[in-house]
Amino acid sequence: MSARQSLVGVAGCLVVAGGLCLCWRPALSMPDSVRIPIVEDRPEGLPAARFQHGRHDQFDCSACHPALFPKWRVGFTHRDMNEGRFCGACHDGSAASDLTAADCKSCHVP
């Protein structure tokens, strides 16, 4: 583990009395932006979707991993999400904004 990774781990924790570590941000290195692998054709010119961990930082890792998403990049489709899997588990219009109401460019960004 590099000194920078160690520093990230320390910076990601708030230490309180008794040595308890309350992590508000994962101590492990993770990318803020992750491209979702393409598994089927999309409308022409629409880039692959991008997931941003930072836009979901009110949740800890275990809210999504490993139940909704494995800890590695995996491709999925809008059909999967409409059936309540992956992003669709929360983005159903009740827990979070509905996928059908979202602007395509909110996820499919260059």
C-alpha atoms as a PDB file:
ATOM      1  CA  MET A   1       0.000   0.000   0.000  1.00  0.00           C
ATOM      2  CA  SER A   2       1.411   3.380  -0.995  1.00  0.00           C
ATOM      3  CA  ALA A   3       1.728   6.338   1.356  1.00  0.00           C
ATOM      4  CA  ARG A   4      -0.968   8.137  -0.661  1.00  0.00           C
ATOM      5  CA  GLN A   5      -3.420   5.244  -0.275  1.00  0.00           C
ATOM      6  CA  SER A   6      -2.724   5.180   3.455  1.00  0.00           C
ATOM      7  CA  LEU A   7      -3.388   8.889   3.660  1.00  0.00           C
ATOM      8  CA  VAL A   8      -6.658   8.464   1.760  1.00  0.00           C
ATOM      9  CA  GLY A   9      -7.703   5.774   4.232  1.00  0.00           C
ATOM     10  CA  VAL A  10      -6.888   7.984   7.203  1.00  0.00           C
ATOM     11  CA  ALA A  11      -8.581  11.010   5.649  1.00  0.00           C
ATOM     12  CA  GLY A  12     -11.700   8.960   4.993  1.00  0.00           C
ATOM     13  CA  CYS A  13     -12.290   8.276   8.668  1.00  0.00           C
ATOM     14  CA  LEU A  14     -13.377  10.396  11.581  1.00  0.00           C
ATOM     15  CA  VAL A  15     -11.753   9.102  14.755  1.00  0.00           C
ATOM     16  CA  VAL A  16     -13.693   9.612  17.976  1.00  0.00           C
ATOM     17  CA  ALA A  17     -13.040   8.687  21.630  1.00  0.00           C
ATOM     18  CA  GLY A  18     -12.361   4.998  22.207  1.00  0.00           C
ATOM     19  CA  GLY A  19     -10.715   4.471  18.822  1.00  0.00           C
ATOM     20  CA  LEU A  20     -14.007   4.058  16.953  1.00  0.00           C
ATOM     21  CA  CYS A  21     -13.707   4.876  13.260  1.00  0.00           C
ATOM     22  CA  LEU A  22     -16.830   6.217  11.587  1.00  0.00           C
ATOM     23  CA  CYS A  23     -16.158   6.111   7.875  1.00  0.00           C
ATOM     24  CA  TRP A  24     -18.003   8.726   5.855  1.00  0.00           C
ATOM     25  CA  ARG A  25     -16.047   7.860   2.741  1.00  0.00           C
ATOM     26  CA  PRO A  26     -14.511   4.500   1.871  1.00  0.00           C
ATOM     27  CA  ALA A  27     -10.969   4.084   3.104  1.00  0.00           C
ATOM     28  CA  LEU A  28     -10.076   2.060   0.016  1.00  0.00           C
ATOM     29  CA  SER A  29      -9.219   3.716  -3.244  1.00  0.00           C
ATOM     30  CA  MET A  30     -12.149   3.855  -5.647  1.00  0.00           C
ATOM     31  CA  PRO A  31     -12.834   5.822  -8.808  1.00  0.00           C
ATOM     32  CA  ASP A  32     -15.396   8.590  -8.521  1.00  0.00           C
ATOM     33  CA  SER A  33     -16.554   8.012 -12.087  1.00  0.00           C
ATOM     34  CA  VAL A  34     -17.131   4.539 -13.560  1.00  0.00           C
ATOM     35  CA  ARG A  35     -18.165   3.824 -17.144  1.00  0.00           C
ATOM     36  CA  ILE A  36     -20.843   1.143 -17.411  1.00  0.00           C
ATOM     37  CA  PRO A  37     -19.720  -1.468 -19.979  1.00  0.00           C
ATOM     38  CA  ILE A  38     -21.858  -1.486 -23.121  1.00  0.00           C
ATOM     39  CA  VAL A  39     -23.795  -4.735 -23.588  1.00  0.00           C
ATOM     40  CA  GLU A  40     -26.212  -3.742 -26.366  1.00  0.00           C
ATOM     41  CA  ASP A  41     -26.549  -1.098 -29.056  1.00  0.00           C
ATOM     42  CA  ARG A  42     -27.586   2.388 -27.973  1.00  0.00           C
ATOM     43  CA  PRO A  43     -29.082   5.244 -29.984  1.00  0.00           C
ATOM     44  CA  GLU A  44     -26.446   6.679 -32.304  1.00  0.00           C
ATOM     45  CA  GLY A  45     -24.137   9.137 -30.625  1.00  0.00           C
ATOM     46  CA  LEU A  46     -25.204   8.284 -27.074  1.00  0.00           C
ATOM     47  CA  PRO A  47     -22.074   7.499 -25.010  1.00  0.00           C
ATOM     48  CA  ALA A  48     -21.830   4.724 -22.445  1.00  0.00           C
ATOM     49  CA  ALA A  49     -23.442   5.613 -19.118  1.00  0.00           C
ATOM     50  CA  ARG A  50     -21.225   6.896 -16.336  1.00  0.00           C
ATOM     51  CA  PHE A  51     -21.874   6.209 -12.656  1.00  0.00           C
ATOM     52  CA  GLN A  52     -20.562   8.779 -10.201  1.00  0.00           C
ATOM     53  CA  HIS A  53     -19.866   7.546  -6.685  1.00  0.00           C
ATOM     54  CA  GLY A  54     -19.662  11.156  -5.473  1.00  0.00           C
ATOM     55  CA  ARG A  55     -23.310  11.807  -6.389  1.00  0.00           C
ATOM     56  CA  HIS A  56     -24.275   8.887  -4.150  1.00  0.00           C
ATOM     57  CA  ASP A  57     -21.983   9.662  -1.189  1.00  0.00           C
ATOM     58  CA  GLN A  58     -24.867   9.835   1.300  1.00  0.00           C
ATOM     59  CA  PHE A  59     -24.766   6.020   1.232  1.00  0.00           C
ATOM     60  CA  ASP A  60     -21.969   3.761   2.389  1.00  0.00           C
ATOM     61  CA  CYS A  61     -20.588   1.049   0.108  1.00  0.00           C
ATOM     62  CA  SER A  62     -22.738  -1.709   1.628  1.00  0.00           C
ATOM     63  CA  ALA A  63     -25.933   0.035   0.483  1.00  0.00           C
ATOM     64  CA  CYS A  64     -25.156  -1.154  -3.067  1.00  0.00           C
ATOM     65  CA  HIS A  65     -22.266  -3.631  -2.822  1.00  0.00           C
ATOM     66  CA  PRO A  66     -22.503  -6.574  -3.204  1.00  0.00           C
ATOM     67  CA  ALA A  67     -26.317  -6.892  -3.179  1.00  0.00           C
ATOM     68  CA  LEU A  68     -27.104  -4.606  -6.163  1.00  0.00           C
ATOM     69  CA  PHE A  69     -23.708  -4.417  -7.834  1.00  0.00           C
ATOM     70  CA  PRO A  70     -20.636  -6.620  -7.681  1.00  0.00           C
ATOM     71  CA  LYS A  71     -17.459  -4.802  -6.678  1.00  0.00           C
ATOM     72  CA  TRP A  72     -16.287  -4.822 -10.293  1.00  0.00           C
ATOM     73  CA  ARG A  73     -17.673  -3.179 -13.411  1.00  0.00           C
ATOM     74  CA  VAL A  74     -20.587  -5.031 -14.925  1.00  0.00           C
ATOM     75  CA  GLY A  75     -22.723  -4.200 -17.944  1.00  0.00           C
ATOM     76  CA  PHE A  76     -26.507  -4.049 -17.799  1.00  0.00           C
ATOM     77  CA  THR A  77     -29.374  -2.677 -19.850  1.00  0.00           C
ATOM     78  CA  HIS A  78     -32.332  -0.362 -19.378  1.00  0.00           C
ATOM     79  CA  ARG A  79     -34.486  -3.492 -19.457  1.00  0.00           C
ATOM     80  CA  ASP A  80     -32.587  -4.781 -16.393  1.00  0.00           C
ATOM     81  CA  MET A  81     -33.086  -1.469 -14.598  1.00  0.00           C
ATOM     82  CA  ASN A  82     -36.796  -1.325 -15.500  1.00  0.00           C
ATOM     83  CA  GLU A  83     -37.143  -4.771 -13.897  1.00  0.00           C
ATOM     84  CA  GLY A  84     -35.738  -3.367 -10.632  1.00  0.00           C
ATOM     85  CA  ARG A  85     -32.147  -4.522 -10.937  1.00  0.00           C
ATOM     86  CA  PHE A  86     -28.958  -2.430 -10.681  1.00  0.00           C
ATOM     87  CA  CYS A  87     -29.801   1.325 -10.719  1.00  0.00           C
ATOM     88  CA  GLY A  88     -33.505   0.460 -11.031  1.00  0.00           C
ATOM     89  CA  ALA A  89     -33.545  -0.986  -7.511  1.00  0.00           C
ATOM     90  CA  CYS A  90     -33.605   2.577  -6.142  1.00  0.00           C
ATOM     91  CA  HIS A  91     -34.374   4.739  -9.172  1.00  0.00           C
ATOM     92  CA  ASP A  92     -37.998   3.623  -9.362  1.00  0.00           C
ATOM     93  CA  GLY A  93     -39.754   6.922  -8.649  1.00  0.00           C
ATOM     94  CA  SER A  94     -40.273   6.236  -4.954  1.00  0.00           C
ATOM     95  CA  ALA A  95     -36.840   5.746  -3.375  1.00  0.00           C
ATOM     96  CA  ALA A  96     -35.096   7.963  -5.957  1.00  0.00           C
ATOM     97  CA  SER A  97     -35.972   9.693  -9.221  1.00  0.00           C
ATOM     98  CA  ASP A  98     -37.559   7.489 -11.862  1.00  0.00           C
ATOM     99  CA  LEU A  99     -35.270   6.405 -14.705  1.00  0.00           C
ATOM    100  CA  THR A 100     -37.928   7.096 -17.326  1.00  0.00           C
ATOM    101  CA  ALA A 101     -38.252  10.715 -16.143  1.00  0.00           C
ATOM    102  CA  ALA A 102     -34.485  11.347 -16.211  1.00  0.00           C
ATOM    103  CA  ASP A 103     -32.768  13.178 -19.020  1.00  0.00           C
ATOM    104  CA  CYS A 104     -30.596  10.658 -20.892  1.00  0.00           C
ATOM    105  CA  LYS A 105     -27.613  13.004 -20.618  1.00  0.00           C
ATOM    106  CA  SER A 106     -27.670  12.878 -16.820  1.00  0.00           C
ATOM    107  CA  CYS A 107     -26.097   9.396 -17.027  1.00  0.00           C
ATOM    108  CA  HIS A 108     -24.919   9.152 -20.639  1.00  0.00           C
ATOM    109  CA  VAL A 109     -22.253  11.862 -20.536  1.00  0.00           C
ATOM    110  CA  PRO A 110     -19.147  12.081 -22.735  1.00  0.00           C
END
